[in-house]
Amino acid sequence: MATRRMKTRTVTGPAVGSVALIARPPRTIPADHLILEARRQEDVRQLATAIVREDAKFRALVRVFSILQECMRKWEVTLSIAAGAF
């Protein structure tokens, strides 16, 4: 890995010839922090989308099952799973 050059800026003093160099402190946040943060946010967004999608599927299944139960009550049909008549 190539060494990075320290970024500096010059500051002039009260006298004509006095010039000082002030070095910027090194970054405490890694260079790829923004990339990793964006990836993490995208993963959380995809997980939330998947949860909502699965919840919608579950709600649709429950709705179909309740309609089926209502039809079975209407036509007086029973399922006897214990008797093996399914």
C-alpha atoms as a PDB file:
ATOM      1  CA  MET A   1       0.000   0.000   0.000  1.00  0.00           C
ATOM      2  CA  ALA A   2       1.412   3.364  -0.946  1.00  0.00           C
ATOM      3  CA  THR A   3       2.003   5.838   1.833  1.00  0.00           C
ATOM      4  CA  ARG A   4      -0.365   8.745   1.819  1.00  0.00           C
ATOM      5  CA  ARG A   5       0.927  12.260   1.891  1.00  0.00           C
ATOM      6  CA  MET A   6      -0.123  14.277   4.945  1.00  0.00           C
ATOM      7  CA  LYS A   7      -2.472  17.100   4.036  1.00  0.00           C
ATOM      8  CA  THR A   8      -1.302  20.419   5.410  1.00  0.00           C
ATOM      9  CA  ARG A   9      -2.269  24.040   5.157  1.00  0.00           C
ATOM     10  CA  THR A  10      -0.184  27.131   5.596  1.00  0.00           C
ATOM     11  CA  VAL A  11      -0.935  29.853   8.085  1.00  0.00           C
ATOM     12  CA  THR A  12       0.815  33.183   7.966  1.00  0.00           C
ATOM     13  CA  GLY A  13       1.923  34.780  11.179  1.00  0.00           C
ATOM     14  CA  PRO A  14       2.142  38.424  12.240  1.00  0.00           C
ATOM     15  CA  ALA A  15       5.532  38.974  10.599  1.00  0.00           C
ATOM     16  CA  VAL A  16       6.007  39.032   6.838  1.00  0.00           C
ATOM     17  CA  GLY A  17       8.266  35.983   6.655  1.00  0.00           C
ATOM     18  CA  SER A  18       6.645  33.824   9.331  1.00  0.00           C
ATOM     19  CA  VAL A  19       4.696  30.906   7.892  1.00  0.00           C
ATOM     20  CA  ALA A  20       3.574  27.834   9.781  1.00  0.00           C
ATOM     21  CA  LEU A  21       2.338  24.501   8.529  1.00  0.00           C
ATOM     22  CA  ILE A  22      -0.581  22.982  10.392  1.00  0.00           C
ATOM     23  CA  ALA A  23      -1.158  19.281   9.715  1.00  0.00           C
ATOM     24  CA  ARG A  24      -4.657  17.909   9.736  1.00  0.00           C
ATOM     25  CA  PRO A  25      -5.195  15.167  12.279  1.00  0.00           C
ATOM     26  CA  PRO A  26      -5.611  11.676  10.828  1.00  0.00           C
ATOM     27  CA  ARG A  27      -9.183  10.512  10.272  1.00  0.00           C
ATOM     28  CA  THR A  28     -10.680   8.385  12.989  1.00  0.00           C
ATOM     29  CA  ILE A  29     -13.352   6.976  10.642  1.00  0.00           C
ATOM     30  CA  PRO A  30     -12.063   4.358   8.174  1.00  0.00           C
ATOM     31  CA  ALA A  31     -12.046   5.339   4.519  1.00  0.00           C
ATOM     32  CA  ASP A  32     -14.649   2.706   3.602  1.00  0.00           C
ATOM     33  CA  HIS A  33     -17.028   3.697   6.418  1.00  0.00           C
ATOM     34  CA  LEU A  34     -19.613   5.259   4.103  1.00  0.00           C
ATOM     35  CA  ILE A  35     -19.590   2.240   1.799  1.00  0.00           C
ATOM     36  CA  LEU A  36     -20.065  -0.167   4.706  1.00  0.00           C
ATOM     37  CA  GLU A  37     -22.793   2.020   6.220  1.00  0.00           C
ATOM     38  CA  ALA A  38     -24.675   2.111   2.895  1.00  0.00           C
ATOM     39  CA  ARG A  39     -24.404  -1.690   2.604  1.00  0.00           C
ATOM     40  CA  ARG A  40     -25.724  -2.112   6.143  1.00  0.00           C
ATOM     41  CA  GLN A  41     -28.675   0.179   5.468  1.00  0.00           C
ATOM     42  CA  GLU A  42     -29.474  -1.687   2.236  1.00  0.00           C
ATOM     43  CA  ASP A  43     -29.365  -5.033   4.085  1.00  0.00           C
ATOM     44  CA  VAL A  44     -31.752  -3.695   6.738  1.00  0.00           C
ATOM     45  CA  ARG A  45     -34.066  -2.349   4.004  1.00  0.00           C
ATOM     46  CA  GLN A  46     -34.107  -5.720   2.201  1.00  0.00           C
ATOM     47  CA  LEU A  47     -34.812  -7.560   5.461  1.00  0.00           C
ATOM     48  CA  ALA A  48     -37.701  -5.231   6.268  1.00  0.00           C
ATOM     49  CA  THR A  49     -39.110  -5.691   2.760  1.00  0.00           C
ATOM     50  CA  ALA A  50     -38.886  -9.476   3.101  1.00  0.00           C
ATOM     51  CA  ILE A  51     -40.641  -9.374   6.477  1.00  0.00           C
ATOM     52  CA  VAL A  52     -43.465  -7.248   5.082  1.00  0.00           C
ATOM     53  CA  ARG A  53     -43.794  -9.558   2.060  1.00  0.00           C
ATOM     54  CA  GLU A  54     -43.958 -12.678   4.246  1.00  0.00           C
ATOM     55  CA  ASP A  55     -46.469 -10.992   6.552  1.00  0.00           C
ATOM     56  CA  ALA A  56     -48.675 -10.188   3.553  1.00  0.00           C
ATOM     57  CA  LYS A  57     -48.486 -13.825   2.415  1.00  0.00           C
ATOM     58  CA  PHE A  58     -49.406 -15.021   5.909  1.00  0.00           C
ATOM     59  CA  ARG A  59     -52.356 -12.614   6.117  1.00  0.00           C
ATOM     60  CA  ALA A  60     -53.601 -13.785   2.696  1.00  0.00           C
ATOM     61  CA  LEU A  61     -53.328 -17.413   3.817  1.00  0.00           C
ATOM     62  CA  VAL A  62     -55.260 -16.665   7.000  1.00  0.00           C
ATOM     63  CA  ARG A  63     -57.926 -14.879   4.948  1.00  0.00           C
ATOM     64  CA  VAL A  64     -58.266 -17.870   2.599  1.00  0.00           C
ATOM     65  CA  PHE A  65     -58.466 -20.247   5.544  1.00  0.00           C
ATOM     66  CA  SER A  66     -61.202 -18.176   7.206  1.00  0.00           C
ATOM     67  CA  ILE A  67     -63.187 -18.127   3.931  1.00  0.00           C
ATOM     68  CA  LEU A  68     -62.768 -21.881   3.679  1.00  0.00           C
ATOM     69  CA  GLN A  69     -64.012 -22.321   7.246  1.00  0.00           C
ATOM     70  CA  GLU A  70     -67.001 -20.113   6.516  1.00  0.00           C
ATOM     71  CA  CYS A  71     -67.859 -22.176   3.426  1.00  0.00           C
ATOM     72  CA  MET A  72     -67.491 -25.391   5.393  1.00  0.00           C
ATOM     73  CA  ARG A  73     -69.876 -24.072   8.055  1.00  0.00           C
ATOM     74  CA  LYS A  74     -72.324 -22.966   5.399  1.00  0.00           C
ATOM     75  CA  TRP A  75     -72.405 -26.349   3.702  1.00  0.00           C
ATOM     76  CA  GLU A  76     -71.987 -28.266   6.965  1.00  0.00           C
ATOM     77  CA  VAL A  77     -68.801 -29.920   5.881  1.00  0.00           C
ATOM     78  CA  THR A  78     -66.365 -31.123   8.498  1.00  0.00           C
ATOM     79  CA  LEU A  79     -62.859 -32.342   8.246  1.00  0.00           C
ATOM     80  CA  SER A  80     -61.909 -35.103  10.561  1.00  0.00           C
ATOM     81  CA  ILE A  81     -58.127 -35.195  10.591  1.00  0.00           C
ATOM     82  CA  ALA A  82     -58.079 -37.526  13.589  1.00  0.00           C
ATOM     83  CA  ALA A  83     -60.189 -40.092  11.711  1.00  0.00           C
ATOM     84  CA  GLY A  84     -57.906 -39.850   8.679  1.00  0.00           C
ATOM     85  CA  ALA A  85     -60.703 -38.799   6.286  1.00  0.00           C
ATOM     86  CA  PHE A  86     -58.909 -36.041   4.496  1.00  0.00           C
END
